[in-house]
Protein backbone atom coordinates (compact mmCIF):
# COMPACT_ATOMS: atom_id res chain seq x y z
CA MET A 1 -41.97 -68.41 -40.03
CA LYS A 2 -45.29 -70.02 -40.94
CA LEU A 3 -48.31 -68.09 -42.24
CA THR A 4 -51.84 -69.51 -42.15
CA THR A 5 -55.16 -67.95 -43.09
CA VAL A 6 -57.70 -67.89 -40.26
CA LEU A 7 -61.20 -67.14 -41.51
CA SER A 8 -63.11 -64.97 -39.04
CA GLY A 9 -66.39 -65.14 -40.94
CA TYR A 10 -68.21 -63.24 -43.67
CA PHE A 11 -70.36 -60.13 -43.60
CA LYS A 12 -72.14 -57.79 -45.97
CA LEU A 13 -71.63 -54.08 -46.51
CA ASP A 14 -73.33 -51.67 -48.86
CA GLY A 15 -71.47 -51.62 -52.16
CA GLY A 16 -71.59 -47.84 -52.48
CA PRO A 17 -69.40 -47.03 -49.45
CA MET A 18 -67.07 -49.91 -50.24
CA PHE A 19 -66.35 -48.61 -53.74
CA GLY A 20 -66.63 -44.87 -53.11
CA VAL A 21 -67.02 -42.68 -56.19
CA VAL A 22 -66.95 -45.64 -58.60
CA PRO A 23 -70.43 -46.01 -60.18
CA LYS A 24 -72.49 -49.08 -59.37
CA VAL A 25 -72.71 -49.94 -63.07
CA LEU A 26 -68.96 -50.70 -62.81
CA TRP A 27 -68.45 -52.18 -59.35
CA ASN A 28 -71.54 -54.37 -59.51
CA LYS A 29 -69.85 -56.38 -62.27
CA LEU A 30 -66.99 -57.13 -59.88
CA ASN A 31 -68.79 -57.97 -56.64
CA PRO A 32 -72.52 -58.17 -57.40
CA SER A 33 -74.82 -56.82 -54.70
CA ASP A 34 -77.97 -58.42 -53.33
CA GLU A 35 -81.46 -56.91 -53.25
CA ASN A 36 -80.36 -54.68 -50.34
CA ASN A 37 -77.40 -53.31 -52.31
CA GLN A 38 -75.04 -55.24 -50.02
CA CYS A 39 -71.97 -57.13 -51.18
CA LEU A 40 -70.33 -60.11 -49.51
CA TRP A 41 -66.94 -59.61 -47.83
CA ALA A 42 -64.62 -61.90 -45.91
CA MET A 43 -63.03 -61.20 -42.54
CA ARG A 44 -59.67 -62.88 -42.97
CA SER A 45 -57.27 -62.97 -40.05
CA LEU A 46 -53.68 -64.18 -40.35
CA LEU A 47 -51.80 -66.53 -38.04
CA ILE A 48 -48.05 -65.98 -37.85
CA GLU A 49 -46.08 -68.76 -36.17
CA THR A 50 -42.44 -68.08 -35.43
CA GLY A 51 -40.28 -69.61 -32.72
CA HIS A 52 -42.34 -69.70 -29.54
CA LYS A 53 -44.81 -67.09 -30.85
CA LYS A 54 -48.28 -67.58 -32.28
CA ILE A 55 -49.43 -64.15 -33.47
CA LEU A 56 -52.96 -63.44 -34.73
CA VAL A 57 -53.63 -60.39 -36.91
CA ASP A 58 -57.18 -59.00 -36.45
CA THR A 59 -60.15 -60.96 -35.12
CA GLY A 60 -63.34 -60.28 -37.13
CA ILE A 61 -66.68 -59.19 -35.62
CA GLY A 62 -66.95 -61.91 -32.99
CA PHE A 63 -70.17 -63.03 -31.35
CA LYS A 64 -70.68 -60.81 -28.32
CA GLN A 65 -72.80 -58.22 -30.15
CA PRO A 66 -76.60 -58.68 -30.16
CA GLN A 67 -78.13 -60.68 -32.97
CA LYS A 68 -79.83 -57.51 -34.24
CA PHE A 69 -76.41 -55.93 -34.79
CA ARG A 70 -75.08 -59.00 -36.57
CA SER A 71 -78.21 -59.24 -38.73
CA ILE A 72 -77.67 -55.71 -40.09
CA PHE A 73 -74.43 -56.95 -41.63
CA SER A 74 -75.59 -60.53 -42.31
CA ALA A 75 -72.58 -61.69 -40.27
CA ASP A 76 -72.08 -65.39 -40.73
CA GLY A 77 -69.48 -68.12 -40.65
CA PRO A 78 -66.89 -69.13 -38.07
CA GLU A 79 -65.22 -66.83 -35.60
CA ALA A 80 -61.44 -66.84 -35.35
CA SER A 81 -61.38 -69.22 -32.38
CA GLU A 82 -63.40 -71.80 -34.33
CA SER A 83 -61.11 -71.57 -37.35
CA LEU A 84 -58.09 -71.93 -35.07
CA ALA A 85 -59.64 -75.03 -33.50
CA ALA A 86 -59.97 -76.52 -36.99
CA LEU A 87 -56.20 -76.05 -37.24
CA SER A 88 -55.77 -77.84 -33.88
CA ILE A 89 -54.75 -74.59 -32.19
CA ASN A 90 -56.36 -73.60 -28.89
CA VAL A 91 -57.09 -69.98 -28.06
CA GLU A 92 -54.77 -70.38 -25.05
CA GLU A 93 -51.84 -70.93 -27.41
CA ILE A 94 -52.11 -67.48 -29.03
CA THR A 95 -49.30 -65.33 -27.57
CA ASP A 96 -50.04 -62.03 -29.33
CA VAL A 97 -52.96 -60.37 -31.09
CA ILE A 98 -52.19 -57.32 -33.18
CA LEU A 99 -55.17 -55.16 -34.09
CA THR A 100 -54.70 -53.09 -37.23
CA HIS A 101 -57.43 -50.71 -36.06
CA PHE A 102 -60.54 -50.70 -33.88
CA HIS A 103 -63.37 -50.80 -36.43
CA PHE A 104 -65.78 -53.50 -35.27
CA ASP A 105 -65.07 -55.93 -38.11
CA HIS A 106 -61.38 -56.04 -37.13
CA VAL A 107 -61.49 -56.00 -33.34
CA GLY A 108 -64.87 -57.41 -32.27
CA GLY A 109 -63.57 -60.95 -31.83
CA ALA A 110 -60.76 -59.86 -29.51
CA LEU A 111 -63.17 -60.08 -26.57
CA LYS A 112 -66.15 -62.28 -25.80
CA LYS A 113 -68.87 -62.62 -23.18
CA ASN A 114 -68.52 -65.52 -20.78
CA ALA A 115 -71.43 -67.55 -19.38
CA ASP A 116 -72.14 -64.77 -16.85
CA GLY A 117 -72.23 -62.07 -19.53
CA VAL A 118 -68.89 -60.61 -18.46
CA ILE A 119 -66.56 -59.38 -21.22
CA VAL A 120 -63.31 -61.34 -21.14
CA PRO A 121 -60.42 -61.81 -23.60
CA THR A 122 -61.02 -64.40 -26.30
CA PHE A 123 -57.31 -65.23 -26.18
CA PRO A 124 -56.61 -65.35 -22.44
CA ASN A 125 -52.82 -65.69 -22.59
CA ALA A 126 -52.22 -63.16 -25.35
CA THR A 127 -50.77 -59.69 -25.28
CA TYR A 128 -52.90 -57.39 -27.45
CA TRP A 129 -51.18 -54.67 -29.52
CA SER A 130 -52.30 -51.27 -30.80
CA ASN A 131 -50.96 -47.71 -30.52
CA GLU A 132 -51.82 -44.69 -28.38
CA VAL A 133 -52.66 -42.42 -31.31
CA HIS A 134 -55.27 -44.77 -32.70
CA TYR A 135 -56.62 -45.68 -29.25
CA ASP A 136 -57.21 -42.00 -28.44
CA TRP A 137 -58.77 -41.42 -31.86
CA ALA A 138 -61.16 -44.34 -31.43
CA TYR A 139 -62.01 -43.53 -27.80
CA GLN A 140 -62.94 -39.91 -28.54
CA SER A 141 -64.36 -40.89 -31.92
CA ASN A 142 -66.20 -38.64 -34.36
CA PRO A 143 -69.61 -38.61 -36.08
CA ARG A 144 -68.22 -40.41 -39.15
CA GLU A 145 -66.83 -43.37 -37.19
CA ASP A 146 -69.04 -43.59 -34.09
CA ALA A 147 -70.87 -46.61 -35.44
CA SER A 148 -67.60 -48.43 -36.13
CA PHE A 149 -65.77 -47.70 -32.87
CA LEU A 150 -67.69 -49.66 -30.24
CA LYS A 151 -66.00 -49.15 -26.89
CA GLU A 152 -66.88 -52.63 -25.63
CA ASN A 153 -64.60 -53.97 -28.36
CA PHE A 154 -61.40 -52.33 -27.17
CA VAL A 155 -61.70 -50.38 -23.91
CA PRO A 156 -61.84 -53.56 -21.74
CA LEU A 157 -58.49 -54.60 -23.22
CA LYS A 158 -56.88 -51.51 -21.72
CA GLU A 159 -58.86 -51.65 -18.48
CA GLN A 160 -57.78 -55.26 -17.96
CA GLY A 161 -54.12 -54.43 -18.62
CA LEU A 162 -53.93 -56.53 -21.76
CA LEU A 163 -53.18 -53.81 -24.30
CA GLN A 164 -49.63 -52.84 -25.21
CA MET A 165 -48.83 -49.84 -27.39
CA ILE A 166 -46.39 -49.57 -30.28
CA ASP A 167 -44.75 -46.21 -30.93
CA VAL A 168 -46.12 -44.30 -33.91
CA GLN A 169 -43.41 -43.10 -36.28
CA LYS A 170 -43.23 -41.79 -39.84
CA ASP A 171 -40.89 -44.57 -40.89
CA ASP A 172 -41.78 -48.26 -40.76
CA VAL A 173 -41.36 -49.55 -37.21
CA HIS A 174 -39.64 -52.82 -36.32
CA TRP A 175 -42.05 -54.67 -34.03
CA MET A 176 -40.85 -58.20 -33.39
CA GLU A 177 -39.47 -61.25 -35.21
CA ASP A 178 -38.46 -59.15 -38.26
CA ILE A 179 -42.06 -57.95 -38.63
CA TYR A 180 -42.43 -54.27 -39.48
CA ILE A 181 -45.42 -51.95 -39.07
CA ARG A 182 -46.37 -49.04 -41.30
CA TYR A 183 -48.76 -46.39 -40.03
CA VAL A 184 -51.31 -45.02 -42.49
CA ASP A 185 -54.00 -42.41 -41.92
CA GLY A 186 -56.28 -42.34 -44.96
CA HIS A 187 -58.81 -44.90 -43.80
CA THR A 188 -58.59 -44.01 -40.12
CA THR A 189 -55.93 -42.39 -37.98
CA ALA A 190 -52.82 -44.54 -37.31
CA MET A 191 -54.06 -47.78 -38.82
CA MET A 192 -51.29 -50.39 -38.85
CA LEU A 193 -50.17 -52.44 -41.86
CA LEU A 194 -47.91 -55.44 -41.28
CA ASN A 195 -44.85 -56.30 -43.35
CA ILE A 196 -43.98 -59.93 -42.67
CA PRO A 197 -40.87 -61.86 -43.81
CA LEU A 198 -41.10 -65.11 -45.72
CA PRO A 199 -38.81 -67.95 -44.65
CA ASP A 200 -35.88 -68.62 -46.98
CA GLN A 201 -37.22 -66.19 -49.58
CA ASN A 202 -36.19 -62.71 -50.61
CA LYS A 203 -39.73 -61.39 -50.44
CA ARG A 204 -42.30 -60.41 -47.84
CA VAL A 205 -46.06 -60.38 -47.23
CA TRP A 206 -48.02 -57.17 -46.69
CA TYR A 207 -51.23 -57.41 -44.67
CA GLY A 208 -53.20 -54.66 -46.40
CA ALA A 209 -56.00 -54.21 -43.80
CA ASP A 210 -58.41 -51.53 -45.06
CA LEU A 211 -55.92 -49.67 -47.22
CA LEU A 212 -56.13 -52.45 -49.84
CA PRO A 213 -58.98 -54.65 -48.58
CA SER A 214 -59.65 -56.53 -51.85
CA ARG A 215 -58.25 -57.17 -55.31
CA TRP A 216 -60.53 -54.47 -56.72
CA HIS A 217 -59.08 -51.79 -54.46
CA ILE A 218 -55.69 -51.97 -56.15
CA ARG A 219 -57.28 -49.79 -58.84
CA ARG A 220 -56.41 -46.18 -58.15
CA PRO A 221 -59.96 -44.68 -58.10
CA TYR A 222 -61.35 -47.47 -55.90
CA VAL A 223 -61.22 -45.75 -52.51
CA MET A 224 -63.84 -46.51 -49.87
CA ALA A 225 -66.28 -43.80 -48.86
CA TYR A 226 -65.60 -44.97 -45.30
CA ASP A 227 -62.11 -43.45 -45.53
CA MET A 228 -61.58 -40.35 -43.43
CA GLN A 229 -58.98 -38.84 -45.78
CA PRO A 230 -59.49 -40.28 -49.28
CA LEU A 231 -56.71 -38.23 -50.88
CA LYS A 232 -54.34 -39.52 -48.22
CA THR A 233 -55.51 -43.05 -49.01
CA LEU A 234 -54.61 -42.49 -52.67
CA GLU A 235 -51.12 -41.37 -51.69
CA GLU A 236 -50.61 -44.29 -49.29
CA LYS A 237 -51.96 -46.80 -51.82
CA GLU A 238 -49.68 -45.52 -54.57
CA ARG A 239 -46.61 -45.85 -52.39
CA LEU A 240 -47.40 -49.39 -51.26
CA LEU A 241 -48.53 -50.61 -54.68
CA ASN A 242 -45.31 -49.43 -56.28
CA GLU A 243 -43.30 -51.20 -53.60
CA LEU A 244 -45.29 -54.40 -54.10
CA VAL A 245 -44.58 -54.38 -57.84
CA GLU A 246 -40.91 -53.48 -57.53
CA GLN A 247 -40.15 -56.02 -54.81
CA GLU A 248 -42.55 -58.71 -56.05
CA ASP A 249 -43.92 -59.03 -52.53
CA ILE A 250 -47.26 -60.66 -51.69
CA LEU A 251 -50.35 -58.61 -50.87
CA TYR A 252 -52.75 -60.29 -48.43
CA PHE A 253 -56.43 -59.29 -48.74
CA GLU A 254 -58.37 -59.11 -45.48
CA HIS A 255 -61.81 -58.56 -47.03
CA ASP A 256 -61.78 -60.01 -50.54
CA PRO A 257 -64.67 -62.52 -50.55
CA GLU A 258 -62.70 -65.15 -52.50
CA LEU A 259 -59.08 -64.21 -53.04
CA GLU A 260 -56.54 -64.44 -50.23
CA ALA A 261 -53.43 -62.97 -51.80
CA ALA A 262 -51.73 -61.76 -54.97
CA ILE A 263 -48.48 -60.65 -56.53
CA LEU A 264 -48.96 -57.51 -58.61
CA LYS A 265 -47.73 -56.05 -61.86
CA ILE A 266 -48.26 -52.93 -63.96
CA ASP A 267 -50.18 -53.86 -67.11
CA GLU A 268 -49.81 -52.55 -70.65
CA ARG A 269 -52.12 -49.63 -69.84
CA GLY A 270 -50.03 -48.57 -66.85
CA ARG A 271 -52.53 -49.86 -64.28
CA PHE A 272 -51.85 -52.00 -61.25
CA ALA A 273 -53.11 -55.53 -61.92
CA LEU A 274 -52.82 -59.10 -60.68
CA ARG A 275 -49.79 -61.04 -61.90
CA GLN A 276 -50.40 -64.13 -59.75
CA SER A 277 -53.16 -64.81 -57.29
CA GLY A 278 -54.47 -67.54 -55.04
CA THR A 279 -54.12 -68.69 -51.47
CA ILE A 280 -51.18 -67.55 -49.42
CA LEU A 281 -49.70 -71.04 -49.80
CA ASP A 282 -49.98 -70.86 -53.60
CA LEU A 283 -47.71 -67.81 -53.65
CA LEU A 284 -45.11 -68.87 -51.09
């Protein structure tokens, strides 16, 4: 099994919501904001190659939204298809796209507009994966998440028969190729985390999505104000962080502006901290 980072661009979000109740005087030392109080974040997809499968995890914002929308978030950089091309991989080669959840910065690049303005799949030969619980939650939406769940980002996938659903269970679910999925509800209902095996090693990689989006969010109080159930997030974080330390597994950061991945430890003060960090290849 081969794992490769696929950069899906950068964007900016207000630092307050990203760091929740943590005061700006603290978080601004970690990820300094600009004059608009916005901090830079990556959109980092992951390519999993195994056997005859080429699986892409999340897709970034994409380019089908109006420029006004993109300008609000200062969206910049390559989309997933461009980063794949730099790896000499065509979009037609992607067999599966798994979408951790339908917030626009994770699913927007799953679809694109063709020359006639028609919304079509970015990865024309891929099966797209989600789950019924999250699809229903996103489709009906709520006032807190309306601006994040844009129907043009995910409804066409179902209407075009491209979307397959994975059963939601309390225990981790075996998906395919020894990849497991854990459902978490703190950030949004039935978000999916991926637990991916490493070849010839007794450790695994966790794709943290928006439960642990950056190195700074491994700190217990650092819970995003975007989260629907912050106390649930704390519980889900604690469970996963303890597993990461005990098993010495790798945590992959989807949104950290610089750092791809880390192995964690508990420091002398009893806090979760970085033991090793770098690119995914550095830690393999």
